[in-house]
Amino acid sequence: MKLYDCPRDTWVKLKEATTIPPAAPTVGASEEIYFCHIDGMYSFCLNKKGDVVHIAAWTDVEICKDQKKPPKRKYS
């Protein structure tokens, strides 16, 4: 499933390495992230630590079975 087909506010697991914007934090393949919403060609997501990450909207993902609470967002 492509990320742009996933419902908002969902835990997803990456199925592949992904494209990220320049100077953005990296996201590893098979990492679980909390998908908030699509913002243009990238997405607004949170990793397990609460850091904001941006992955390409066309990234292949699978929806996690365990839909735990979203991580608390870190502010810098």
C-alpha atoms as a PDB file:
ATOM      1  CA  MET A   1       0.000   0.000   0.000  1.00  0.00           C
ATOM      2  CA  LYS A   2       1.269   3.487  -0.764  1.00  0.00           C
ATOM      3  CA  LEU A   3       1.459   5.957   2.101  1.00  0.00           C
ATOM      4  CA  TYR A   4      -0.953   8.321   0.349  1.00  0.00           C
ATOM      5  CA  ASP A   5      -3.615   5.542   0.521  1.00  0.00           C
ATOM      6  CA  CYS A   6      -3.308   5.120   4.311  1.00  0.00           C
ATOM      7  CA  PRO A   7      -5.755   6.715   6.717  1.00  0.00           C
ATOM      8  CA  ARG A   8      -4.447   9.688   8.685  1.00  0.00           C
ATOM      9  CA  ASP A   9      -3.190   9.198  12.246  1.00  0.00           C
ATOM     10  CA  THR A  10      -2.073   5.598  11.701  1.00  0.00           C
ATOM     11  CA  TRP A  11       1.012   3.607  12.703  1.00  0.00           C
ATOM     12  CA  VAL A  12       2.696   2.244   9.570  1.00  0.00           C
ATOM     13  CA  LYS A  13       5.796   0.165   8.886  1.00  0.00           C
ATOM     14  CA  LEU A  14       8.051   1.022   5.976  1.00  0.00           C
ATOM     15  CA  LYS A  15       8.503  -1.797   3.471  1.00  0.00           C
ATOM     16  CA  GLU A  16      11.466  -0.168   1.715  1.00  0.00           C
ATOM     17  CA  ALA A  17      14.060   2.545   1.984  1.00  0.00           C
ATOM     18  CA  THR A  18      12.442   5.861   1.177  1.00  0.00           C
ATOM     19  CA  THR A  19      13.080   9.305  -0.253  1.00  0.00           C
ATOM     20  CA  ILE A  20      13.364  12.129   2.261  1.00  0.00           C
ATOM     21  CA  PRO A  21      13.834  15.869   1.759  1.00  0.00           C
ATOM     22  CA  PRO A  22      17.374  17.281   1.941  1.00  0.00           C
ATOM     23  CA  ALA A  23      18.651  17.808   5.517  1.00  0.00           C
ATOM     24  CA  ALA A  24      15.718  15.856   7.003  1.00  0.00           C
ATOM     25  CA  PRO A  25      16.219  13.147   9.653  1.00  0.00           C
ATOM     26  CA  THR A  26      16.744   9.696   8.155  1.00  0.00           C
ATOM     27  CA  VAL A  27      14.206   6.904   8.422  1.00  0.00           C
ATOM     28  CA  GLY A  28      15.297   3.279   8.238  1.00  0.00           C
ATOM     29  CA  ALA A  29      13.635   0.578   6.162  1.00  0.00           C
ATOM     30  CA  SER A  30      11.163  -1.460   8.253  1.00  0.00           C
ATOM     31  CA  GLU A  31      10.943   1.335  10.849  1.00  0.00           C
ATOM     32  CA  GLU A  32       7.535   1.966  12.404  1.00  0.00           C
ATOM     33  CA  ILE A  33       6.350   5.558  12.193  1.00  0.00           C
ATOM     34  CA  TYR A  34       3.174   7.422  13.092  1.00  0.00           C
ATOM     35  CA  PHE A  35       1.683   8.854   9.896  1.00  0.00           C
ATOM     36  CA  CYS A  36      -0.129  12.142  10.533  1.00  0.00           C
ATOM     37  CA  HIS A  37      -0.883  13.488   7.047  1.00  0.00           C
ATOM     38  CA  ILE A  38       0.425  14.140   3.535  1.00  0.00           C
ATOM     39  CA  ASP A  39       1.930  17.575   2.949  1.00  0.00           C
ATOM     40  CA  GLY A  40       2.623  17.929  -0.769  1.00  0.00           C
ATOM     41  CA  MET A  41       4.945  15.214  -2.068  1.00  0.00           C
ATOM     42  CA  TYR A  42       6.155  14.340   1.437  1.00  0.00           C
ATOM     43  CA  SER A  43       4.363  13.412   4.629  1.00  0.00           C
ATOM     44  CA  PHE A  44       4.307  14.672   8.190  1.00  0.00           C
ATOM     45  CA  CYS A  45       5.112  11.734  10.493  1.00  0.00           C
ATOM     46  CA  LEU A  46       6.562  11.060  13.936  1.00  0.00           C
ATOM     47  CA  ASN A  47       9.092   8.388  14.804  1.00  0.00           C
ATOM     48  CA  LYS A  48       8.899   6.453  18.086  1.00  0.00           C
ATOM     49  CA  LYS A  49      10.997   9.111  19.839  1.00  0.00           C
ATOM     50  CA  GLY A  50       8.543  11.840  18.802  1.00  0.00           C
ATOM     51  CA  ASP A  51      10.843  13.429  16.227  1.00  0.00           C
ATOM     52  CA  VAL A  52       9.165  14.791  13.104  1.00  0.00           C
ATOM     53  CA  VAL A  53      10.164  12.857   9.975  1.00  0.00           C
ATOM     54  CA  HIS A  54       9.141  13.411   6.369  1.00  0.00           C
ATOM     55  CA  ILE A  55       8.928  10.493   3.969  1.00  0.00           C
ATOM     56  CA  ALA A  56       7.810  10.476   0.350  1.00  0.00           C
ATOM     57  CA  ALA A  57       4.066  10.096  -0.150  1.00  0.00           C
ATOM     58  CA  TRP A  58       4.625   7.246  -2.646  1.00  0.00           C
ATOM     59  CA  THR A  59       6.565   5.051  -0.181  1.00  0.00           C
ATOM     60  CA  ASP A  60       5.358   1.444   0.190  1.00  0.00           C
ATOM     61  CA  VAL A  61       4.115   0.805   3.738  1.00  0.00           C
ATOM     62  CA  GLU A  62       1.932  -1.608   5.642  1.00  0.00           C
ATOM     63  CA  ILE A  63      -0.462  -0.640   8.415  1.00  0.00           C
ATOM     64  CA  CYS A  64       0.677  -1.936  11.803  1.00  0.00           C
ATOM     65  CA  LYS A  65      -1.689  -4.284  13.620  1.00  0.00           C
ATOM     66  CA  ASP A  66      -0.892  -2.679  16.986  1.00  0.00           C
ATOM     67  CA  GLN A  67      -2.279   0.864  16.826  1.00  0.00           C
ATOM     68  CA  LYS A  68      -0.850   2.260  20.060  1.00  0.00           C
ATOM     69  CA  LYS A  69      -1.080   5.877  21.155  1.00  0.00           C
ATOM     70  CA  PRO A  70       0.824   8.420  19.063  1.00  0.00           C
ATOM     71  CA  PRO A  71       4.225   9.486  20.384  1.00  0.00           C
ATOM     72  CA  LYS A  72       4.494  12.807  22.150  1.00  0.00           C
ATOM     73  CA  ARG A  73       5.914  15.296  19.657  1.00  0.00           C
ATOM     74  CA  LYS A  74       9.277  16.814  20.491  1.00  0.00           C
ATOM     75  CA  TYR A  75       9.710  20.530  19.900  1.00  0.00           C
ATOM     76  CA  SER A  76      13.121  22.004  19.229  1.00  0.00           C
END
